[in-house]
Amino acid sequence: MRQQQRRVTGGRQREALELRDACMLLAARHGAQREVGGAPVLEAGLGPLTVRLTPGGASRWLEVRHAGAGDAPVLELRWSGDGLEVVAFRRGAWEAELLRLAGRGSPR
């Protein structure tokens, strides 16, 4: 079941933005274009992590899955302009792993 969408503020927003930026960097470096559910995405498989990002457009979508978390996304974000919605965010060791892969250190 999906968590209710909510706007994030303060420290959690900074963390979500830091993870989003790391994902965008990894998708640009390692991603390949493919179709998921009939929509074009940029997908990067990084060991146990899979990052999917919609390429361009006014409304963006990002999904991160980790092999150890089953079928559910560990992070799912949607944004347009300055508005950021967190659809799913399951905290875990995957955050530090993702930031390390992007060369960004560890989360706060």
N, C-alpha and C. Protein backbone atom coordinates (compact mmCIF):
# COMPACT_ATOMS: atom_id res chain seq x y z
N MET A 1 0.84 -1.18 0.00
CA MET A 1 0.00 0.00 0.00
C MET A 1 0.89 1.24 0.00
N ARG A 2 0.53 2.22 -0.77
CA ARG A 2 1.31 3.45 -0.85
C ARG A 2 1.02 4.36 0.31
N GLN A 3 2.07 5.07 0.71
CA GLN A 3 1.89 6.08 1.74
C GLN A 3 1.19 7.28 1.11
N GLN A 4 0.50 8.03 1.93
CA GLN A 4 -0.17 9.23 1.45
C GLN A 4 0.87 10.24 0.99
N GLN A 5 0.59 10.90 -0.14
CA GLN A 5 1.51 11.92 -0.63
C GLN A 5 1.49 13.09 0.33
N ARG A 6 2.67 13.66 0.54
CA ARG A 6 2.75 14.82 1.42
C ARG A 6 3.90 15.70 0.99
N ARG A 7 3.73 16.95 1.24
CA ARG A 7 4.78 17.93 0.98
C ARG A 7 5.75 17.86 2.14
N VAL A 8 7.04 17.88 1.84
CA VAL A 8 8.04 17.80 2.91
C VAL A 8 8.69 19.16 3.10
N THR A 9 9.09 19.41 4.33
CA THR A 9 9.73 20.69 4.64
C THR A 9 10.92 20.45 5.55
N GLY A 10 11.74 21.47 5.71
CA GLY A 10 12.85 21.44 6.64
C GLY A 10 13.88 20.38 6.33
N GLY A 11 14.35 19.71 7.40
CA GLY A 11 15.43 18.74 7.28
C GLY A 11 15.08 17.56 6.39
N ARG A 12 13.86 17.06 6.47
CA ARG A 12 13.47 15.92 5.64
C ARG A 12 13.46 16.32 4.16
N GLN A 13 13.09 17.56 3.87
CA GLN A 13 13.11 18.00 2.48
C GLN A 13 14.55 18.06 1.98
N ARG A 14 15.45 18.57 2.80
CA ARG A 14 16.86 18.61 2.40
C ARG A 14 17.38 17.20 2.12
N GLU A 15 17.04 16.24 2.98
CA GLU A 15 17.48 14.86 2.77
C GLU A 15 16.89 14.28 1.49
N ALA A 16 15.60 14.51 1.26
CA ALA A 16 14.95 14.02 0.05
C ALA A 16 15.58 14.66 -1.19
N LEU A 17 15.86 15.96 -1.13
CA LEU A 17 16.49 16.65 -2.26
C LEU A 17 17.91 16.13 -2.50
N GLU A 18 18.65 15.86 -1.43
CA GLU A 18 20.01 15.33 -1.57
C GLU A 18 19.98 13.96 -2.24
N LEU A 19 19.04 13.11 -1.83
CA LEU A 19 18.91 11.79 -2.46
C LEU A 19 18.45 11.92 -3.91
N ARG A 20 17.52 12.84 -4.16
CA ARG A 20 17.05 13.06 -5.53
C ARG A 20 18.20 13.51 -6.43
N ASP A 21 18.99 14.45 -5.96
CA ASP A 21 20.11 14.94 -6.76
C ASP A 21 21.14 13.85 -7.03
N ALA A 22 21.40 13.01 -6.03
CA ALA A 22 22.33 11.89 -6.21
C ALA A 22 21.78 10.91 -7.25
N CYS A 23 20.48 10.65 -7.20
CA CYS A 23 19.84 9.75 -8.16
C CYS A 23 19.92 10.31 -9.58
N MET A 24 19.69 11.60 -9.71
CA MET A 24 19.75 12.22 -11.03
C MET A 24 21.16 12.10 -11.61
N LEU A 25 22.17 12.30 -10.77
CA LEU A 25 23.56 12.16 -11.20
C LEU A 25 23.84 10.73 -11.63
N LEU A 26 23.43 9.75 -10.83
CA LEU A 26 23.67 8.35 -11.16
C LEU A 26 22.91 7.92 -12.42
N ALA A 27 21.69 8.41 -12.58
CA ALA A 27 20.92 8.08 -13.79
C ALA A 27 21.60 8.66 -15.03
N ALA A 28 22.13 9.88 -14.91
CA ALA A 28 22.83 10.50 -16.04
C ALA A 28 24.10 9.74 -16.39
N ARG A 29 24.83 9.29 -15.37
CA ARG A 29 26.10 8.58 -15.59
C ARG A 29 25.91 7.15 -16.09
N HIS A 30 24.94 6.44 -15.51
CA HIS A 30 24.85 5.00 -15.72
C HIS A 30 23.53 4.54 -16.33
N GLY A 31 22.62 5.46 -16.57
CA GLY A 31 21.28 5.08 -17.01
C GLY A 31 21.18 4.74 -18.48
N ALA A 32 20.17 3.95 -18.78
CA ALA A 32 19.83 3.60 -20.16
C ALA A 32 18.34 3.88 -20.35
N GLN A 33 18.00 4.35 -21.53
CA GLN A 33 16.59 4.62 -21.84
C GLN A 33 15.84 3.31 -22.00
N ARG A 34 14.66 3.23 -21.40
CA ARG A 34 13.78 2.09 -21.60
C ARG A 34 12.36 2.50 -21.32
N GLU A 35 11.43 1.60 -21.53
CA GLU A 35 10.03 1.87 -21.25
C GLU A 35 9.59 1.07 -20.05
N VAL A 36 8.90 1.73 -19.13
CA VAL A 36 8.33 1.07 -17.96
C VAL A 36 6.87 1.47 -17.89
N GLY A 37 5.99 0.50 -17.99
CA GLY A 37 4.55 0.79 -17.98
C GLY A 37 4.12 1.69 -19.12
N GLY A 38 4.82 1.59 -20.26
CA GLY A 38 4.48 2.38 -21.43
C GLY A 38 5.06 3.78 -21.43
N ALA A 39 5.80 4.16 -20.38
CA ALA A 39 6.38 5.49 -20.31
C ALA A 39 7.90 5.40 -20.42
N PRO A 40 8.54 6.38 -21.10
CA PRO A 40 10.00 6.36 -21.20
C PRO A 40 10.63 6.75 -19.87
N VAL A 41 11.65 6.01 -19.46
CA VAL A 41 12.40 6.32 -18.25
C VAL A 41 13.89 6.13 -18.51
N LEU A 42 14.67 6.77 -17.69
CA LEU A 42 16.11 6.57 -17.66
C LEU A 42 16.35 5.67 -16.46
N GLU A 43 16.89 4.46 -16.69
CA GLU A 43 17.04 3.49 -15.62
C GLU A 43 18.51 3.13 -15.44
N ALA A 44 18.94 3.14 -14.18
CA ALA A 44 20.31 2.75 -13.84
C ALA A 44 20.26 1.61 -12.83
N GLY A 45 20.86 0.48 -13.19
CA GLY A 45 20.99 -0.64 -12.27
C GLY A 45 22.36 -0.56 -11.62
N LEU A 46 22.38 -0.42 -10.31
CA LEU A 46 23.62 -0.21 -9.56
C LEU A 46 23.71 -1.25 -8.45
N GLY A 47 24.05 -2.48 -8.82
CA GLY A 47 24.08 -3.55 -7.84
C GLY A 47 22.68 -3.80 -7.33
N PRO A 48 22.47 -3.72 -6.02
CA PRO A 48 21.13 -3.98 -5.48
C PRO A 48 20.16 -2.81 -5.67
N LEU A 49 20.66 -1.66 -6.12
CA LEU A 49 19.81 -0.48 -6.32
C LEU A 49 19.40 -0.33 -7.78
N THR A 50 18.16 0.07 -7.98
CA THR A 50 17.67 0.44 -9.31
C THR A 50 17.06 1.83 -9.20
N VAL A 51 17.55 2.74 -10.04
CA VAL A 51 17.06 4.12 -10.06
C VAL A 51 16.33 4.33 -11.37
N ARG A 52 15.09 4.82 -11.30
CA ARG A 52 14.31 5.15 -12.49
C ARG A 52 13.90 6.61 -12.41
N LEU A 53 14.12 7.32 -13.50
CA LEU A 53 13.86 8.76 -13.56
C LEU A 53 13.18 9.09 -14.87
N THR A 54 12.09 9.88 -14.79
CA THR A 54 11.48 10.34 -16.04
C THR A 54 12.39 11.39 -16.66
N PRO A 55 12.64 11.27 -17.95
CA PRO A 55 13.53 12.23 -18.60
C PRO A 55 12.81 13.52 -18.98
N GLY A 56 13.19 14.62 -18.35
CA GLY A 56 12.66 15.94 -18.70
C GLY A 56 11.19 16.11 -18.43
N GLY A 57 10.65 17.19 -18.96
CA GLY A 57 9.24 17.48 -18.78
C GLY A 57 9.01 18.37 -17.57
N ALA A 58 7.80 18.92 -17.47
CA ALA A 58 7.47 19.83 -16.38
C ALA A 58 7.28 19.08 -15.06
N SER A 59 6.69 17.91 -15.12
CA SER A 59 6.47 17.11 -13.93
C SER A 59 7.42 15.92 -13.97
N ARG A 60 8.21 15.75 -12.91
CA ARG A 60 9.24 14.69 -12.89
C ARG A 60 8.86 13.62 -11.88
N TRP A 61 9.42 12.44 -12.07
CA TRP A 61 9.16 11.31 -11.19
C TRP A 61 10.46 10.54 -11.01
N LEU A 62 10.70 10.09 -9.79
CA LEU A 62 11.89 9.31 -9.46
C LEU A 62 11.47 8.15 -8.58
N GLU A 63 12.02 6.98 -8.89
CA GLU A 63 11.77 5.80 -8.08
C GLU A 63 13.09 5.09 -7.83
N VAL A 64 13.31 4.67 -6.58
CA VAL A 64 14.49 3.89 -6.21
C VAL A 64 13.99 2.61 -5.57
N ARG A 65 14.52 1.49 -6.04
CA ARG A 65 14.22 0.19 -5.45
C ARG A 65 15.52 -0.43 -4.98
N HIS A 66 15.43 -1.20 -3.90
CA HIS A 66 16.58 -1.92 -3.37
C HIS A 66 16.20 -3.39 -3.28
N ALA A 67 17.09 -4.26 -3.73
CA ALA A 67 16.80 -5.70 -3.78
C ALA A 67 16.40 -6.24 -2.41
N GLY A 68 16.95 -5.71 -1.35
CA GLY A 68 16.64 -6.20 -0.01
C GLY A 68 15.30 -5.74 0.53
N ALA A 69 14.60 -4.88 -0.20
CA ALA A 69 13.33 -4.32 0.28
C ALA A 69 12.11 -4.93 -0.39
N GLY A 70 12.30 -6.03 -1.13
CA GLY A 70 11.17 -6.63 -1.81
C GLY A 70 10.76 -5.84 -3.03
N ASP A 71 9.49 -5.83 -3.34
CA ASP A 71 9.00 -5.20 -4.56
C ASP A 71 8.67 -3.72 -4.39
N ALA A 72 8.58 -3.25 -3.16
CA ALA A 72 8.16 -1.86 -2.93
C ALA A 72 9.33 -0.89 -3.12
N PRO A 73 9.05 0.31 -3.64
CA PRO A 73 10.11 1.32 -3.75
C PRO A 73 10.56 1.77 -2.36
N VAL A 74 11.87 2.05 -2.23
CA VAL A 74 12.37 2.62 -0.97
C VAL A 74 12.29 4.15 -1.02
N LEU A 75 12.23 4.70 -2.24
CA LEU A 75 12.06 6.14 -2.41
C LEU A 75 11.27 6.38 -3.69
N GLU A 76 10.25 7.19 -3.58
CA GLU A 76 9.50 7.61 -4.75
C GLU A 76 9.14 9.07 -4.55
N LEU A 77 9.58 9.90 -5.50
CA LEU A 77 9.35 11.34 -5.44
C LEU A 77 8.71 11.82 -6.73
N ARG A 78 7.91 12.85 -6.60
CA ARG A 78 7.36 13.58 -7.76
C ARG A 78 7.59 15.06 -7.48
N TRP A 79 7.95 15.80 -8.54
CA TRP A 79 8.16 17.23 -8.34
C TRP A 79 7.89 17.98 -9.62
N SER A 80 7.58 19.24 -9.42
CA SER A 80 7.36 20.18 -10.50
C SER A 80 7.76 21.53 -9.95
N GLY A 81 8.73 22.17 -10.59
CA GLY A 81 9.22 23.45 -10.06
C GLY A 81 9.80 23.25 -8.67
N ASP A 82 9.35 24.06 -7.71
CA ASP A 82 9.84 23.97 -6.34
C ASP A 82 9.05 22.98 -5.48
N GLY A 83 7.93 22.48 -5.99
CA GLY A 83 7.10 21.56 -5.22
C GLY A 83 7.65 20.15 -5.26
N LEU A 84 7.83 19.54 -4.09
CA LEU A 84 8.34 18.18 -3.99
C LEU A 84 7.35 17.36 -3.18
N GLU A 85 6.90 16.23 -3.73
CA GLU A 85 6.02 15.33 -3.02
C GLU A 85 6.74 14.01 -2.78
N VAL A 86 6.70 13.54 -1.56
CA VAL A 86 7.26 12.25 -1.21
C VAL A 86 6.12 11.24 -1.26
N VAL A 87 6.20 10.30 -2.17
CA VAL A 87 5.18 9.27 -2.31
C VAL A 87 5.54 8.09 -1.41
N ALA A 88 6.83 7.73 -1.38
CA ALA A 88 7.32 6.65 -0.51
C ALA A 88 8.74 6.99 -0.09
N PHE A 89 9.07 6.71 1.17
CA PHE A 89 10.42 6.95 1.67
C PHE A 89 10.65 6.00 2.83
N ARG A 90 11.32 4.89 2.56
CA ARG A 90 11.65 3.90 3.58
C ARG A 90 13.12 4.07 3.93
N ARG A 91 13.39 4.59 5.12
CA ARG A 91 14.76 4.85 5.55
C ARG A 91 15.54 3.55 5.62
N GLY A 92 16.86 3.63 5.41
CA GLY A 92 17.68 2.43 5.53
C GLY A 92 19.11 2.66 5.06
N ALA A 93 19.89 1.60 5.13
CA ALA A 93 21.30 1.65 4.73
C ALA A 93 21.46 1.97 3.25
N TRP A 94 20.42 1.76 2.45
CA TRP A 94 20.49 2.04 1.02
C TRP A 94 20.80 3.52 0.77
N GLU A 95 20.39 4.41 1.70
CA GLU A 95 20.63 5.85 1.52
C GLU A 95 22.12 6.14 1.45
N ALA A 96 22.88 5.62 2.42
CA ALA A 96 24.33 5.83 2.44
C ALA A 96 24.98 5.18 1.23
N GLU A 97 24.49 4.01 0.84
CA GLU A 97 25.03 3.32 -0.33
C GLU A 97 24.83 4.15 -1.59
N LEU A 98 23.65 4.71 -1.75
CA LEU A 98 23.34 5.52 -2.93
C LEU A 98 24.21 6.77 -2.96
N LEU A 99 24.32 7.46 -1.82
CA LEU A 99 25.13 8.68 -1.76
C LEU A 99 26.60 8.38 -2.01
N ARG A 100 27.08 7.24 -1.51
CA ARG A 100 28.47 6.83 -1.74
C ARG A 100 28.70 6.60 -3.23
N LEU A 101 27.77 5.91 -3.89
CA LEU A 101 27.91 5.66 -5.33
C LEU A 101 27.96 6.96 -6.13
N ALA A 102 27.24 7.96 -5.65
CA ALA A 102 27.21 9.26 -6.33
C ALA A 102 28.37 10.14 -5.90
N GLY A 103 29.18 9.69 -4.94
CA GLY A 103 30.32 10.48 -4.46
C GLY A 103 29.91 11.62 -3.58
N ARG A 104 28.83 11.45 -2.82
CA ARG A 104 28.29 12.54 -2.01
C ARG A 104 28.36 12.31 -0.50
N GLY A 105 29.11 11.31 -0.05
CA GLY A 105 29.21 11.10 1.40
C GLY A 105 28.02 10.37 1.96
N SER A 106 27.70 10.64 3.21
CA SER A 106 26.60 9.94 3.87
C SER A 106 25.51 10.93 4.29
N PRO A 107 24.27 10.43 4.48
CA PRO A 107 23.18 11.34 4.86
C PRO A 107 23.39 11.90 6.25
N ARG A 108 22.73 13.00 6.52
CA ARG A 108 22.86 13.64 7.82
C ARG A 108 22.00 12.97 8.85
